Amino acid sequence: MTAAEPVAAELVVDLSSTAPPRDNLGSLVPAVRDLKVAVEGDRATFTWQPPADAQDGDRYAWRQLSITEETLYEPTDATSVTVPLSADGQTCVEVVVVRSGKQSATPQDACAS
């Protein structure tokens, strides 16, 4: 008895379709829009707009980014947050939309110097 030799299979993918890719992960949560920062004195205020397809029940979560420690998201219903400026020269915040227990697939961030 002889072992069968492997057979190469050819995969053909049609890339000519103009349809957008399907969300095979089950309704990805969109990101906030227009995340901006304004500095006044020793504080930075970060503001954002809801996603284009905002839904009832959408909330937000934000966290101040740090290179020395992991920070946790803080939930909010507001579309802004004010934080003290960091002593190291840069203050950064990351914001996500929270929808039905899932968060944005692409967090948005902005920094104040």
Protein backbone atom coordinates (compact mmCIF):
# COMPACT_ATOMS: atom_id res chain seq x y z
CA MET A 1 0.00 0.00 0.00
CA THR A 2 1.42 3.42 -0.92
CA ALA A 3 0.68 6.71 0.84
CA ALA A 4 -1.33 9.19 -1.13
CA GLU A 5 0.54 12.27 -2.19
CA PRO A 6 -0.75 15.63 -0.99
CA VAL A 7 -2.88 17.50 -3.48
CA ALA A 8 -2.57 21.26 -3.76
CA ALA A 9 -5.85 23.14 -3.64
CA GLU A 10 -6.33 26.47 -5.34
CA LEU A 11 -8.30 29.18 -3.59
CA VAL A 12 -9.88 31.77 -5.85
CA VAL A 13 -11.16 35.00 -4.32
CA ASP A 14 -13.12 37.54 -6.36
CA LEU A 15 -11.89 40.97 -5.29
CA SER A 16 -13.89 42.82 -7.92
CA SER A 17 -16.98 43.20 -5.74
CA THR A 18 -17.72 46.75 -4.65
CA ALA A 19 -19.91 45.72 -1.74
CA PRO A 20 -18.61 46.78 1.68
CA PRO A 21 -17.24 44.01 3.87
CA ARG A 22 -19.77 42.25 6.05
CA ASP A 23 -19.68 42.54 9.81
CA ASN A 24 -19.12 38.90 10.69
CA LEU A 25 -18.48 39.73 14.35
CA GLY A 26 -22.08 40.66 15.04
CA SER A 27 -22.79 44.36 14.90
CA LEU A 28 -19.54 46.17 15.56
CA VAL A 29 -20.06 49.22 17.74
CA PRO A 30 -19.08 52.42 15.93
CA ALA A 31 -16.67 55.00 17.30
CA VAL A 32 -17.39 58.48 18.62
CA ARG A 33 -16.88 61.30 16.12
CA ASP A 34 -14.93 64.55 16.24
CA LEU A 35 -13.01 63.96 19.47
CA LYS A 36 -11.39 67.30 20.31
CA VAL A 37 -9.53 68.83 23.22
CA ALA A 38 -9.44 72.37 24.60
CA VAL A 39 -7.03 73.51 27.31
CA GLU A 40 -7.94 76.17 29.83
CA GLY A 41 -5.53 76.87 32.65
CA ASP A 42 -4.41 73.58 34.19
CA ARG A 43 -7.31 71.53 32.81
CA ALA A 44 -8.13 69.84 29.50
CA THR A 45 -11.70 69.34 28.30
CA PHE A 46 -12.27 66.57 25.76
CA THR A 47 -15.51 66.69 23.74
CA TRP A 48 -16.96 64.34 21.14
CA GLN A 49 -20.02 63.70 19.01
CA PRO A 50 -22.11 60.52 19.10
CA PRO A 51 -21.61 58.02 16.27
CA ALA A 52 -23.50 58.72 13.05
CA ASP A 53 -25.85 55.82 13.80
CA ALA A 54 -26.41 56.64 17.48
CA GLN A 55 -29.00 54.44 19.17
CA ASP A 56 -31.14 54.79 22.28
CA GLY A 57 -29.17 53.42 25.20
CA ASP A 58 -25.73 54.29 23.81
CA ARG A 59 -23.34 55.33 26.55
CA TYR A 60 -19.68 56.25 26.56
CA ALA A 61 -16.63 55.23 28.51
CA TRP A 62 -13.35 57.11 28.75
CA ARG A 63 -9.97 56.68 30.33
CA GLN A 64 -6.90 58.81 30.73
CA LEU A 65 -4.01 57.12 28.93
CA SER A 66 -0.77 56.54 30.79
CA ILE A 67 2.54 55.01 29.73
CA THR A 68 3.31 53.91 33.28
CA GLU A 69 0.06 52.27 34.36
CA GLU A 70 -3.06 50.67 32.94
CA THR A 71 -6.13 52.80 33.48
CA LEU A 72 -9.73 51.63 33.60
CA TYR A 73 -12.61 53.02 31.57
CA GLU A 74 -15.06 55.25 33.42
CA PRO A 75 -18.66 55.18 32.16
CA THR A 76 -20.50 58.41 31.33
CA ASP A 77 -23.64 59.59 29.56
CA ALA A 78 -22.02 62.94 28.77
CA THR A 79 -20.18 63.84 25.56
CA SER A 80 -17.35 65.59 27.38
CA VAL A 81 -14.91 65.08 30.21
CA THR A 82 -12.54 67.50 31.95
CA VAL A 83 -9.29 66.31 33.52
CA PRO A 84 -6.28 68.02 35.10
CA LEU A 85 -3.29 68.44 32.79
CA SER A 86 -0.56 65.89 33.40
CA ALA A 87 2.71 67.06 34.91
CA ASP A 88 4.68 65.08 32.29
CA GLY A 89 3.57 67.42 29.53
CA GLN A 90 0.94 65.39 27.68
CA THR A 91 -2.60 64.50 28.71
CA CYS A 92 -4.37 61.92 26.57
CA VAL A 93 -7.88 60.49 26.78
CA GLU A 94 -9.40 57.52 24.96
CA VAL A 95 -13.18 57.33 24.39
CA VAL A 96 -15.43 54.45 23.30
CA VAL A 97 -19.13 54.01 22.66
CA VAL A 98 -20.77 51.34 24.82
CA ARG A 99 -23.78 49.68 23.20
CA SER A 100 -25.56 46.62 24.59
CA GLY A 101 -22.52 45.71 26.69
CA LYS A 102 -20.05 45.98 23.79
CA GLN A 103 -17.59 48.80 23.19
CA SER A 104 -16.37 50.48 20.01
CA ALA A 105 -14.12 48.36 17.84
CA THR A 106 -11.95 51.43 17.26
CA PRO A 107 -11.40 53.59 20.35
CA GLN A 108 -10.70 57.25 19.62
CA ASP A 109 -8.04 59.24 21.43
CA ALA A 110 -6.84 62.82 21.63
CA CYS A 111 -4.02 64.54 23.51
CA ALA A 112 -3.32 67.95 24.98
CA SER A 113 0.24 69.19 25.38
